[in-house]
Amino acid sequence: MSNLKSAFYAGVGLVLKSKDKVESAARKFVKDNKVEAVEGKKFIDKTVKHVEAAKRDLSKKFNGAVKNAVDKMGLITRKEVKVLKEEIHHFKKQLSKPNSPSKKSKVKKEKR
């Protein structure tokens, strides 16, 4: 699992780094080509939006890959662990309760 985390963080790092580089390159392009301020801002904003969309897409793909890997390995999820803990707690609570009077009287009658 730590290898998956490392791969994820490396991917996110590359996307974030590329966002900065893309924004920087877009600014340089605007400056070098003497694009008007309004058009330059539109170009930079559009470019940054594309990078952010790529980041979201990468995150979705990574989450899907992790889910598939977890399913294939047969690992239990936190949600499943939580449900099991709640069930265990419920059963422990039931076992620790003293028997109700109606059950005790039935038991006594059956013993006779």
PDB file of N, CA and C in Angstrom:
ATOM      1  N   MET A   1       0.838  -1.195   0.000  1.00  0.00           N
ATOM      2  CA  MET A   1       0.000   0.000   0.000  1.00  0.00           C
ATOM      3  C   MET A   1       0.878   1.251   0.000  1.00  0.00           C
ATOM      4  N   SER A   2       2.024   1.213   0.672  1.00  0.00           N
ATOM      5  CA  SER A   2       2.877   2.399   0.695  1.00  0.00           C
ATOM      6  C   SER A   2       3.420   2.709  -0.693  1.00  0.00           C
ATOM      7  N   ASN A   3       3.619   1.678  -1.523  1.00  0.00           N
ATOM      8  CA  ASN A   3       4.064   1.914  -2.895  1.00  0.00           C
ATOM      9  C   ASN A   3       2.990   2.654  -3.688  1.00  0.00           C
ATOM     10  N   LEU A   4       1.742   2.295  -3.432  1.00  0.00           N
ATOM     11  CA  LEU A   4       0.640   2.991  -4.115  1.00  0.00           C
ATOM     12  C   LEU A   4       0.578   4.442  -3.688  1.00  0.00           C
ATOM     13  N   LYS A   5       0.767   4.692  -2.386  1.00  0.00           N
ATOM     14  CA  LYS A   5       0.755   6.068  -1.897  1.00  0.00           C
ATOM     15  C   LYS A   5       1.891   6.863  -2.527  1.00  0.00           C
ATOM     16  N   SER A   6       3.056   6.257  -2.583  1.00  0.00           N
ATOM     17  CA  SER A   6       4.209   6.945  -3.178  1.00  0.00           C
ATOM     18  C   SER A   6       3.941   7.298  -4.636  1.00  0.00           C
ATOM     19  N   ALA A   7       3.373   6.336  -5.364  1.00  0.00           N
ATOM     20  CA  ALA A   7       3.074   6.584  -6.775  1.00  0.00           C
ATOM     21  C   ALA A   7       2.052   7.702  -6.914  1.00  0.00           C
ATOM     22  N   PHE A   8       1.044   7.688  -6.047  1.00  0.00           N
ATOM     23  CA  PHE A   8       0.017   8.730  -6.096  1.00  0.00           C
ATOM     24  C   PHE A   8       0.635  10.105  -5.840  1.00  0.00           C
ATOM     25  N   TYR A   9       1.422  10.212  -4.763  1.00  0.00           N
ATOM     26  CA  TYR A   9       2.007  11.505  -4.429  1.00  0.00           C
ATOM     27  C   TYR A   9       2.988  11.973  -5.501  1.00  0.00           C
ATOM     28  N   ALA A  10       3.687  11.039  -6.114  1.00  0.00           N
ATOM     29  CA  ALA A  10       4.593  11.411  -7.207  1.00  0.00           C
ATOM     30  C   ALA A  10       3.788  11.968  -8.381  1.00  0.00           C
ATOM     31  N   GLY A  11       2.670  11.312  -8.701  1.00  0.00           N
ATOM     32  CA  GLY A  11       1.816  11.783  -9.790  1.00  0.00           C
ATOM     33  C   GLY A  11       1.236  13.148  -9.512  1.00  0.00           C
ATOM     34  N   VAL A  12       0.742  13.338  -8.283  1.00  0.00           N
ATOM     35  CA  VAL A  12       0.182  14.640  -7.909  1.00  0.00           C
ATOM     36  C   VAL A  12       1.263  15.710  -7.964  1.00  0.00           C
ATOM     37  N   GLY A  13       2.441  15.358  -7.482  1.00  0.00           N
ATOM     38  CA  GLY A  13       3.566  16.302  -7.519  1.00  0.00           C
ATOM     39  C   GLY A  13       3.888  16.728  -8.941  1.00  0.00           C
ATOM     40  N   LEU A  14       3.884  15.764  -9.846  1.00  0.00           N
ATOM     41  CA  LEU A  14       4.168  16.088 -11.247  1.00  0.00           C
ATOM     42  C   LEU A  14       3.086  16.990 -11.825  1.00  0.00           C
ATOM     43  N   VAL A  15       1.834  16.697 -11.497  1.00  0.00           N
ATOM     44  CA  VAL A  15       0.742  17.532 -12.011  1.00  0.00           C
ATOM     45  C   VAL A  15       0.853  18.942 -11.461  1.00  0.00           C
ATOM     46  N   LEU A  16       1.097  19.051 -10.152  1.00  0.00           N
ATOM     47  CA  LEU A  16       1.212  20.379  -9.553  1.00  0.00           C
ATOM     48  C   LEU A  16       2.414  21.128 -10.114  1.00  0.00           C
ATOM     49  N   LYS A  17       3.517  20.415 -10.268  1.00  0.00           N
ATOM     50  CA  LYS A  17       4.711  21.046 -10.822  1.00  0.00           C
ATOM     51  C   LYS A  17       4.443  21.478 -12.261  1.00  0.00           C
ATOM     52  N   SER A  18       3.771  20.616 -13.003  1.00  0.00           N
ATOM     53  CA  SER A  18       3.495  20.963 -14.391  1.00  0.00           C
ATOM     54  C   SER A  18       2.538  22.146 -14.477  1.00  0.00           C
ATOM     55  N   LYS A  19       1.626  22.272 -13.505  1.00  0.00           N
ATOM     56  CA  LYS A  19       0.710  23.417 -13.502  1.00  0.00           C
ATOM     57  C   LYS A  19       1.513  24.708 -13.405  1.00  0.00           C
ATOM     58  N   ASP A  20       2.469  24.735 -12.472  1.00  0.00           N
ATOM     59  CA  ASP A  20       3.309  25.926 -12.330  1.00  0.00           C
ATOM     60  C   ASP A  20       4.108  26.182 -13.603  1.00  0.00           C
ATOM     61  N   LYS A  21       4.651  25.105 -14.166  1.00  0.00           N
ATOM     62  CA  LYS A  21       5.444  25.268 -15.389  1.00  0.00           C
ATOM     63  C   LYS A  21       4.571  25.710 -16.557  1.00  0.00           C
ATOM     64  N   VAL A  22       3.387  25.149 -16.655  1.00  0.00           N
ATOM     65  CA  VAL A  22       2.481  25.532 -17.737  1.00  0.00           C
ATOM     66  C   VAL A  22       2.090  26.999 -17.593  1.00  0.00           C
ATOM     67  N   GLU A  23       1.763  27.392 -16.372  1.00  0.00           N
ATOM     68  CA  GLU A  23       1.385  28.786 -16.140  1.00  0.00           C
ATOM     69  C   GLU A  23       2.553  29.714 -16.479  1.00  0.00           C
ATOM     70  N   SER A  24       3.739  29.316 -16.069  1.00  0.00           N
ATOM     71  CA  SER A  24       4.934  30.120 -16.361  1.00  0.00           C
ATOM     72  C   SER A  24       5.172  30.203 -17.871  1.00  0.00           C
ATOM     73  N   ALA A  25       5.036  29.050 -18.542  1.00  0.00           N
ATOM     74  CA  ALA A  25       5.239  29.026 -19.992  1.00  0.00           C
ATOM     75  C   ALA A  25       4.172  29.871 -20.695  1.00  0.00           C
ATOM     76  N   ALA A  26       2.940  29.807 -20.193  1.00  0.00           N
ATOM     77  CA  ALA A  26       1.869  30.602 -20.790  1.00  0.00           C
ATOM     78  C   ALA A  26       2.155  32.093 -20.626  1.00  0.00           C
ATOM     79  N   ARG A  27       2.623  32.467 -19.431  1.00  0.00           N
ATOM     80  CA  ARG A  27       2.967  33.882 -19.205  1.00  0.00           C
ATOM     81  C   ARG A  27       4.090  34.327 -20.145  1.00  0.00           C
ATOM     82  N   LYS A  28       5.101  33.456 -20.302  1.00  0.00           N
ATOM     83  CA  LYS A  28       6.228  33.772 -21.187  1.00  0.00           C
ATOM     84  C   LYS A  28       5.736  33.905 -22.631  1.00  0.00           C
ATOM     85  N   PHE A  29       4.858  32.995 -23.049  1.00  0.00           N
ATOM     86  CA  PHE A  29       4.295  33.044 -24.399  1.00  0.00           C
ATOM     87  C   PHE A  29       3.563  34.363 -24.623  1.00  0.00           C
ATOM     88  N   VAL A  30       2.764  34.752 -23.651  1.00  0.00           N
ATOM     89  CA  VAL A  30       1.997  35.996 -23.755  1.00  0.00           C
ATOM     90  C   VAL A  30       2.951  37.186 -23.862  1.00  0.00           C
ATOM     91  N   LYS A  31       3.979  37.169 -23.005  1.00  0.00           N
ATOM     92  CA  LYS A  31       4.944  38.284 -22.997  1.00  0.00           C
ATOM     93  C   LYS A  31       5.739  38.340 -24.305  1.00  0.00           C
ATOM     94  N   ASP A  32       6.252  37.169 -24.743  1.00  0.00           N
ATOM     95  CA  ASP A  32       7.082  37.120 -25.940  1.00  0.00           C
ATOM     96  C   ASP A  32       6.312  37.491 -27.205  1.00  0.00           C
ATOM     97  N   ASN A  33       5.042  37.146 -27.236  1.00  0.00           N
ATOM     98  CA  ASN A  33       4.240  37.422 -28.419  1.00  0.00           C
ATOM     99  C   ASN A  33       3.461  38.721 -28.302  1.00  0.00           C
ATOM    100  N   LYS A  34       3.727  39.438 -27.240  1.00  0.00           N
ATOM    101  CA  LYS A  34       3.117  40.743 -27.025  1.00  0.00           C
ATOM    102  C   LYS A  34       1.598  40.700 -27.204  1.00  0.00           C
ATOM    103  N   VAL A  35       1.012  39.701 -26.559  1.00  0.00           N
ATOM    104  CA  VAL A  35      -0.436  39.540 -26.604  1.00  0.00           C
ATOM    105  C   VAL A  35      -1.041  40.576 -25.666  1.00  0.00           C
ATOM    106  N   GLU A  36      -2.191  41.108 -26.041  1.00  0.00           N
ATOM    107  CA  GLU A  36      -2.860  42.093 -25.194  1.00  0.00           C
ATOM    108  C   GLU A  36      -3.170  41.473 -23.831  1.00  0.00           C
ATOM    109  N   ALA A  37      -3.254  42.309 -22.826  1.00  0.00           N
ATOM    110  CA  ALA A  37      -3.444  41.849 -21.448  1.00  0.00           C
ATOM    111  C   ALA A  37      -4.693  40.991 -21.290  1.00  0.00           C
ATOM    112  N   VAL A  38      -5.782  41.427 -21.854  1.00  0.00           N
ATOM    113  CA  VAL A  38      -7.049  40.687 -21.714  1.00  0.00           C
ATOM    114  C   VAL A  38      -6.933  39.310 -22.369  1.00  0.00           C
ATOM    115  N   GLU A  39      -6.416  39.281 -23.586  1.00  0.00           N
ATOM    116  CA  GLU A  39      -6.251  38.005 -24.298  1.00  0.00           C
ATOM    117  C   GLU A  39      -5.234  37.118 -23.583  1.00  0.00           C
ATOM    118  N   GLY A  40      -4.191  37.714 -23.071  1.00  0.00           N
ATOM    119  CA  GLY A  40      -3.169  36.959 -22.335  1.00  0.00           C
ATOM    120  C   GLY A  40      -3.748  36.311 -21.092  1.00  0.00           C
ATOM    121  N   LYS A  41      -4.560  37.070 -20.374  1.00  0.00           N
ATOM    122  CA  LYS A  41      -5.185  36.524 -19.164  1.00  0.00           C
ATOM    123  C   LYS A  41      -6.116  35.375 -19.515  1.00  0.00           C
ATOM    124  N   LYS A  42      -6.888  35.533 -20.577  1.00  0.00           N
ATOM    125  CA  LYS A  42      -7.790  34.459 -21.016  1.00  0.00           C
ATOM    126  C   LYS A  42      -6.995  33.196 -21.351  1.00  0.00           C
ATOM    127  N   PHE A  43      -5.892  33.385 -22.074  1.00  0.00           N
ATOM    128  CA  PHE A  43      -5.053  32.247 -22.470  1.00  0.00           C
ATOM    129  C   PHE A  43      -4.493  31.541 -21.238  1.00  0.00           C
ATOM    130  N   ILE A  44      -3.968  32.299 -20.294  1.00  0.00           N
ATOM    131  CA  ILE A  44      -3.391  31.726 -19.074  1.00  0.00           C
ATOM    132  C   ILE A  44      -4.468  30.998 -18.269  1.00  0.00           C
ATOM    133  N   ASP A  45      -5.618  31.636 -18.096  1.00  0.00           N
ATOM    134  CA  ASP A  45      -6.714  31.012 -17.335  1.00  0.00           C
ATOM    135  C   ASP A  45      -7.169  29.704 -17.982  1.00  0.00           C
ATOM    136  N   LYS A  46      -7.296  29.722 -19.298  1.00  0.00           N
ATOM    137  CA  LYS A  46      -7.723  28.524 -20.019  1.00  0.00           C
ATOM    138  C   LYS A  46      -6.692  27.406 -19.872  1.00  0.00           C
ATOM    139  N   THR A  47      -5.440  27.757 -19.963  1.00  0.00           N
ATOM    140  CA  THR A  47      -4.373  26.768 -19.827  1.00  0.00           C
ATOM    141  C   THR A  47      -4.369  26.167 -18.424  1.00  0.00           C
ATOM    142  N   VAL A  48      -4.500  27.002 -17.407  1.00  0.00           N
ATOM    143  CA  VAL A  48      -4.525  26.524 -16.016  1.00  0.00           C
ATOM    144  C   VAL A  48      -5.732  25.625 -15.791  1.00  0.00           C
ATOM    145  N   LYS A  49      -6.870  25.974 -16.364  1.00  0.00           N
ATOM    146  CA  LYS A  49      -8.077  25.133 -16.225  1.00  0.00           C
ATOM    147  C   LYS A  49      -7.845  23.752 -16.814  1.00  0.00           C
ATOM    148  N   HIS A  50      -7.164  23.691 -17.947  1.00  0.00           N
ATOM    149  CA  HIS A  50      -6.865  22.403 -18.568  1.00  0.00           C
ATOM    150  C   HIS A  50      -5.962  21.558 -17.662  1.00  0.00           C
ATOM    151  N   VAL A  51      -4.991  22.186 -17.045  1.00  0.00           N
ATOM    152  CA  VAL A  51      -4.087  21.462 -16.142  1.00  0.00           C
ATOM    153  C   VAL A  51      -4.861  20.964 -14.921  1.00  0.00           C
ATOM    154  N   GLU A  52      -5.742  21.797 -14.370  1.00  0.00           N
ATOM    155  CA  GLU A  52      -6.532  21.380 -13.202  1.00  0.00           C
ATOM    156  C   GLU A  52      -7.483  20.241 -13.570  1.00  0.00           C
ATOM    157  N   ALA A  53      -8.042  20.272 -14.762  1.00  0.00           N
ATOM    158  CA  ALA A  53      -8.913  19.178 -15.213  1.00  0.00           C
ATOM    159  C   ALA A  53      -8.110  17.890 -15.349  1.00  0.00           C
ATOM    160  N   ALA A  54      -6.896  18.008 -15.854  1.00  0.00           N
ATOM    161  CA  ALA A  54      -6.028  16.830 -15.974  1.00  0.00           C
ATOM    162  C   ALA A  54      -5.704  16.270 -14.590  1.00  0.00           C
ATOM    163  N   LYS A  55      -5.514  17.152 -13.627  1.00  0.00           N
ATOM    164  CA  LYS A  55      -5.226  16.724 -12.251  1.00  0.00           C
ATOM    165  C   LYS A  55      -6.416  15.957 -11.679  1.00  0.00           C
ATOM    166  N   ARG A  56      -7.624  16.474 -11.871  1.00  0.00           N
ATOM    167  CA  ARG A  56      -8.832  15.788 -11.379  1.00  0.00           C
ATOM    168  C   ARG A  56      -8.980  14.421 -12.046  1.00  0.00           C
ATOM    169  N   ASP A  57      -8.728  14.379 -13.353  1.00  0.00           N
ATOM    170  CA  ASP A  57      -8.827  13.128 -14.099  1.00  0.00           C
ATOM    171  C   ASP A  57      -7.810  12.109 -13.583  1.00  0.00           C
ATOM    172  N   LEU A  58      -6.603  12.563 -13.341  1.00  0.00           N
ATOM    173  CA  LEU A  58      -5.560  11.686 -12.807  1.00  0.00           C
ATOM    174  C   LEU A  58      -5.970  11.141 -11.442  1.00  0.00           C
ATOM    175  N   SER A  59      -6.525  11.992 -10.610  1.00  0.00           N
ATOM    176  CA  SER A  59      -6.963  11.570  -9.283  1.00  0.00           C
ATOM    177  C   SER A  59      -8.060  10.515  -9.381  1.00  0.00           C
ATOM    178  N   LYS A  60      -9.035  10.719 -10.261  1.00  0.00           N
ATOM    179  CA  LYS A  60     -10.119   9.744 -10.445  1.00  0.00           C
ATOM    180  C   LYS A  60      -9.560   8.405 -10.924  1.00  0.00           C
ATOM    181  N   LYS A  61      -8.660   8.460 -11.888  1.00  0.00           N
ATOM    182  CA  LYS A  61      -8.071   7.224 -12.419  1.00  0.00           C
ATOM    183  C   LYS A  61      -7.269   6.512 -11.340  1.00  0.00           C
ATOM    184  N   PHE A  62      -6.527   7.259 -10.562  1.00  0.00           N
ATOM    185  CA  PHE A  62      -5.722   6.653  -9.504  1.00  0.00           C
ATOM    186  C   PHE A  62      -6.622   6.008  -8.458  1.00  0.00           C
ATOM    187  N   ASN A  63      -7.668   6.716  -8.038  1.00  0.00           N
ATOM    188  CA  ASN A  63      -8.594   6.159  -7.047  1.00  0.00           C
ATOM    189  C   ASN A  63      -9.238   4.872  -7.568  1.00  0.00           C
ATOM    190  N   GLY A  64      -9.600   4.852  -8.834  1.00  0.00           N
ATOM    191  CA  GLY A  64     -10.169   3.647  -9.428  1.00  0.00           C
ATOM    192  C   GLY A  64      -9.172   2.498  -9.435  1.00  0.00           C
ATOM    193  N   ALA A  65      -7.916   2.807  -9.765  1.00  0.00           N
ATOM    194  CA  ALA A  65      -6.876   1.771  -9.783  1.00  0.00           C
ATOM    195  C   ALA A  65      -6.635   1.219  -8.383  1.00  0.00           C
ATOM    196  N   VAL A  66      -6.630   2.093  -7.390  1.00  0.00           N
ATOM    197  CA  VAL A  66      -6.432   1.646  -6.009  1.00  0.00           C
ATOM    198  C   VAL A  66      -7.595   0.769  -5.580  1.00  0.00           C
ATOM    199  N   LYS A  67      -8.813   1.186  -5.902  1.00  0.00           N
ATOM    200  CA  LYS A  67      -9.997   0.393  -5.534  1.00  0.00           C
ATOM    201  C   LYS A  67      -9.931  -0.981  -6.174  1.00  0.00           C
ATOM    202  N   ASN A  68      -9.568  -1.038  -7.441  1.00  0.00           N
ATOM    203  CA  ASN A  68      -9.438  -2.327  -8.119  1.00  0.00           C
ATOM    204  C   ASN A  68      -8.371  -3.193  -7.468  1.00  0.00           C
ATOM    205  N   ALA A  69      -7.246  -2.591  -7.112  1.00  0.00           N
ATOM    206  CA  ALA A  69      -6.164  -3.341  -6.464  1.00  0.00           C
ATOM    207  C   ALA A  69      -6.612  -3.876  -5.112  1.00  0.00           C
ATOM    208  N   VAL A  70      -7.303  -3.057  -4.347  1.00  0.00           N
ATOM    209  CA  VAL A  70      -7.803  -3.476  -3.029  1.00  0.00           C
ATOM    210  C   VAL A  70      -8.803  -4.619  -3.195  1.00  0.00           C
ATOM    211  N   ASP A  71      -9.691  -4.501  -4.168  1.00  0.00           N
ATOM    212  CA  ASP A  71     -10.677  -5.557  -4.423  1.00  0.00           C
ATOM    213  C   ASP A  71      -9.999  -6.865  -4.822  1.00  0.00           C
ATOM    214  N   LYS A  72      -9.013  -6.775  -5.708  1.00  0.00           N
ATOM    215  CA  LYS A  72      -8.314  -7.977  -6.171  1.00  0.00           C
ATOM    216  C   LYS A  72      -7.533  -8.644  -5.040  1.00  0.00           C
ATOM    217  N   MET A  73      -6.983  -7.836  -4.139  1.00  0.00           N
ATOM    218  CA  MET A  73      -6.205  -8.390  -3.025  1.00  0.00           C
ATOM    219  C   MET A  73      -7.103  -8.915  -1.918  1.00  0.00           C
ATOM    220  N   GLY A  74      -8.377  -8.575  -1.984  1.00  0.00           N
ATOM    221  CA  GLY A  74      -9.299  -9.036  -0.955  1.00  0.00           C
ATOM    222  C   GLY A  74      -9.134  -8.300   0.369  1.00  0.00           C
ATOM    223  N   LEU A  75      -8.614  -7.091   0.316  1.00  0.00           N
ATOM    224  CA  LEU A  75      -8.427  -6.309   1.537  1.00  0.00           C
ATOM    225  C   LEU A  75      -9.756  -5.740   1.999  1.00  0.00           C
ATOM    226  N   ILE A  76      -9.857  -5.535   3.277  1.00  0.00           N
ATOM    227  CA  ILE A  76     -11.071  -4.984   3.866  1.00  0.00           C
ATOM    228  C   ILE A  76     -10.930  -3.464   3.950  1.00  0.00           C
ATOM    229  N   THR A  77     -12.019  -2.772   3.705  1.00  0.00           N
ATOM    230  CA  THR A  77     -11.984  -1.308   3.729  1.00  0.00           C
ATOM    231  C   THR A  77     -12.261  -0.792   5.140  1.00  0.00           C
ATOM    232  N   ARG A  78     -11.964   0.466   5.375  1.00  0.00           N
ATOM    233  CA  ARG A  78     -12.254   1.079   6.680  1.00  0.00           C
ATOM    234  C   ARG A  78     -13.742   1.023   6.997  1.00  0.00           C
ATOM    235  N   LYS A  79     -14.542   1.233   5.977  1.00  0.00           N
ATOM    236  CA  LYS A  79     -15.991   1.206   6.173  1.00  0.00           C
ATOM    237  C   LYS A  79     -16.430  -0.184   6.641  1.00  0.00           C
ATOM    238  N   GLU A  80     -15.883  -1.213   6.013  1.00  0.00           N
ATOM    239  CA  GLU A  80     -16.216  -2.582   6.414  1.00  0.00           C
ATOM    240  C   GLU A  80     -15.732  -2.886   7.829  1.00  0.00           C
ATOM    241  N   VAL A  81     -14.548  -2.401   8.183  1.00  0.00           N
ATOM    242  CA  VAL A  81     -14.026  -2.587   9.543  1.00  0.00           C
ATOM    243  C   VAL A  81     -14.951  -1.908  10.546  1.00  0.00           C
ATOM    244  N   LYS A  82     -15.402  -0.707  10.215  1.00  0.00           N
ATOM    245  CA  LYS A  82     -16.299   0.026  11.108  1.00  0.00           C
ATOM    246  C   LYS A  82     -17.588  -0.756  11.342  1.00  0.00           C
ATOM    247  N   VAL A  83     -18.157  -1.293  10.265  1.00  0.00           N
ATOM    248  CA  VAL A  83     -19.393  -2.063  10.374  1.00  0.00           C
ATOM    249  C   VAL A  83     -19.161  -3.295  11.259  1.00  0.00           C
ATOM    250  N   LEU A  84     -18.056  -3.993  11.051  1.00  0.00           N
ATOM    251  CA  LEU A  84     -17.757  -5.176  11.858  1.00  0.00           C
ATOM    252  C   LEU A  84     -17.577  -4.818  13.331  1.00  0.00           C
ATOM    253  N   LYS A  85     -16.900  -3.721  13.604  1.00  0.00           N
ATOM    254  CA  LYS A  85     -16.719  -3.280  14.993  1.00  0.00           C
ATOM    255  C   LYS A  85     -18.067  -2.980  15.648  1.00  0.00           C
ATOM    256  N   GLU A  86     -18.944  -2.335  14.898  1.00  0.00           N
ATOM    257  CA  GLU A  86     -20.277  -2.020  15.432  1.00  0.00           C
ATOM    258  C   GLU A  86     -21.059  -3.301  15.724  1.00  0.00           C
ATOM    259  N   GLU A  87     -20.955  -4.283  14.845  1.00  0.00           N
ATOM    260  CA  GLU A  87     -21.647  -5.553  15.070  1.00  0.00           C
ATOM    261  C   GLU A  87     -21.085  -6.268  16.297  1.00  0.00           C
ATOM    262  N   ILE A  88     -19.770  -6.285  16.436  1.00  0.00           N
ATOM    263  CA  ILE A  88     -19.142  -6.924  17.595  1.00  0.00           C
ATOM    264  C   ILE A  88     -19.593  -6.231  18.875  1.00  0.00           C
ATOM    265  N   HIS A  89     -19.591  -4.904  18.851  1.00  0.00           N
ATOM    266  CA  HIS A  89     -20.030  -4.146  20.019  1.00  0.00           C
ATOM    267  C   HIS A  89     -21.476  -4.501  20.366  1.00  0.00           C
ATOM    268  N   HIS A  90     -22.322  -4.588  19.356  1.00  0.00           N
ATOM    269  CA  HIS A  90     -23.734  -4.926  19.559  1.00  0.00           C
ATOM    270  C   HIS A  90     -23.864  -6.317  20.196  1.00  0.00           C
ATOM    271  N   PHE A  91     -23.127  -7.307  19.681  1.00  0.00           N
ATOM    272  CA  PHE A  91     -23.209  -8.661  20.227  1.00  0.00           C
ATOM    273  C   PHE A  91     -22.643  -8.743  21.636  1.00  0.00           C
ATOM    274  N   LYS A  92     -21.563  -8.024  21.899  1.00  0.00           N
ATOM    275  CA  LYS A  92     -21.004  -8.001  23.260  1.00  0.00           C
ATOM    276  C   LYS A  92     -22.014  -7.422  24.236  1.00  0.00           C
ATOM    277  N   LYS A  93     -22.686  -6.375  23.796  1.00  0.00           N
ATOM    278  CA  LYS A  93     -23.689  -5.724  24.632  1.00  0.00           C
ATOM    279  C   LYS A  93     -24.825  -6.699  24.941  1.00  0.00           C
ATOM    280  N   GLN A  94     -25.245  -7.452  23.931  1.00  0.00           N
ATOM    281  CA  GLN A  94     -26.322  -8.431  24.131  1.00  0.00           C
ATOM    282  C   GLN A  94     -25.879  -9.537  25.081  1.00  0.00           C
ATOM    283  N   LEU A  95     -24.647  -9.984  24.951  1.00  0.00           N
ATOM    284  CA  LEU A  95     -24.146 -11.067  25.808  1.00  0.00           C
ATOM    285  C   LEU A  95     -23.985 -10.626  27.258  1.00  0.00           C
ATOM    286  N   SER A  96     -23.684  -9.362  27.458  1.00  0.00           N
ATOM    287  CA  SER A  96     -23.453  -8.882  28.824  1.00  0.00           C
ATOM    288  C   SER A  96     -24.741  -8.524  29.550  1.00  0.00           C
ATOM    289  N   LYS A  97     -25.859  -8.463  28.850  1.00  0.00           N
ATOM    290  CA  LYS A  97     -27.140  -8.148  29.486  1.00  0.00           C
ATOM    291  C   LYS A  97     -27.601  -9.346  30.317  1.00  0.00           C
ATOM    292  N   PRO A  98     -28.135  -9.086  31.515  1.00  0.00           N
ATOM    293  CA  PRO A  98     -28.694 -10.195  32.287  1.00  0.00           C
ATOM    294  C   PRO A  98     -29.975 -10.684  31.606  1.00  0.00           C
ATOM    295  N   ASN A  99     -30.260 -11.953  31.780  1.00  0.00           N
ATOM    296  CA  ASN A  99     -31.478 -12.513  31.164  1.00  0.00           C
ATOM    297  C   ASN A  99     -32.699 -11.845  31.752  1.00  0.00           C
ATOM    298  N   SER A 100     -33.690 -11.636  30.926  1.00  0.00           N
ATOM    299  CA  SER A 100     -34.930 -11.014  31.394  1.00  0.00           C
ATOM    300  C   SER A 100     -35.708 -12.020  32.229  1.00  0.00           C
ATOM    301  N   PRO A 101     -36.603 -11.568  33.135  1.00  0.00           N
ATOM    302  CA  PRO A 101     -37.366 -12.471  34.006  1.00  0.00           C
ATOM    303  C   PRO A 101     -38.164 -13.519  33.238  1.00  0.00           C
ATOM    304  N   SER A 102     -38.714 -13.170  32.110  1.00  0.00           N
ATOM    305  CA  SER A 102     -39.516 -14.132  31.361  1.00  0.00           C
ATOM    306  C   SER A 102     -38.653 -15.282  30.864  1.00  0.00           C
ATOM    307  N   LYS A 103     -37.412 -15.002  30.486  1.00  0.00           N
ATOM    308  CA  LYS A 103     -36.515 -16.060  30.029  1.00  0.00           C
ATOM    309  C   LYS A 103     -36.097 -16.943  31.195  1.00  0.00           C
ATOM    310  N   LYS A 104     -35.855 -16.373  32.370  1.00  0.00           N
ATOM    311  CA  LYS A 104     -35.451 -17.149  33.538  1.00  0.00           C
ATOM    312  C   LYS A 104     -36.558 -18.109  33.950  1.00  0.00           C
ATOM    313  N   SER A 105     -37.783 -17.632  33.924  1.00  0.00           N
ATOM    314  CA  SER A 105     -38.880 -18.489  34.340  1.00  0.00           C
ATOM    315  C   SER A 105     -39.059 -19.643  33.358  1.00  0.00           C
ATOM    316  N   LYS A 106     -38.841 -19.407  32.078  1.00  0.00           N
ATOM    317  CA  LYS A 106     -38.935 -20.467  31.088  1.00  0.00           C
ATOM    318  C   LYS A 106     -37.855 -21.515  31.328  1.00  0.00           C
ATOM    319  N   VAL A 107     -36.669 -21.054  31.647  1.00  0.00           N
ATOM    320  CA  VAL A 107     -35.559 -21.957  31.894  1.00  0.00           C
ATOM    321  C   VAL A 107     -35.867 -22.831  33.110  1.00  0.00           C
ATOM    322  N   LYS A 108     -36.406 -22.224  34.189  1.00  0.00           N
ATOM    323  CA  LYS A 108     -36.731 -22.951  35.413  1.00  0.00           C
ATOM    324  C   LYS A 108     -37.805 -23.988  35.138  1.00  0.00           C
ATOM    325  N   LYS A 109     -38.808 -23.650  34.349  1.00  0.00           N
ATOM    326  CA  LYS A 109     -39.880 -24.582  34.034  1.00  0.00           C
ATOM    327  C   LYS A 109     -39.358 -25.764  33.224  1.00  0.00           C
ATOM    328  N   GLU A 110     -38.428 -25.504  32.303  1.00  0.00           N
ATOM    329  CA  GLU A 110     -37.890 -26.565  31.490  1.00  0.00           C
ATOM    330  C   GLU A 110     -37.041 -27.528  32.303  1.00  0.00           C
ATOM    331  N   LYS A 111     -36.372 -27.059  33.355  1.00  0.00           N
ATOM    332  CA  LYS A 111     -35.535 -27.891  34.195  1.00  0.00           C
ATOM    333  C   LYS A 111     -36.351 -28.856  35.035  1.00  0.00           C
ATOM    334  N   ARG A 112     -37.564 -28.520  35.397  1.00  0.00           N
ATOM    335  CA  ARG A 112     -38.405 -29.370  36.256  1.00  0.00           C
ATOM    336  C   ARG A 112     -38.838 -30.577  35.569  1.00  0.00           C
TER     337      ARG A 112
END
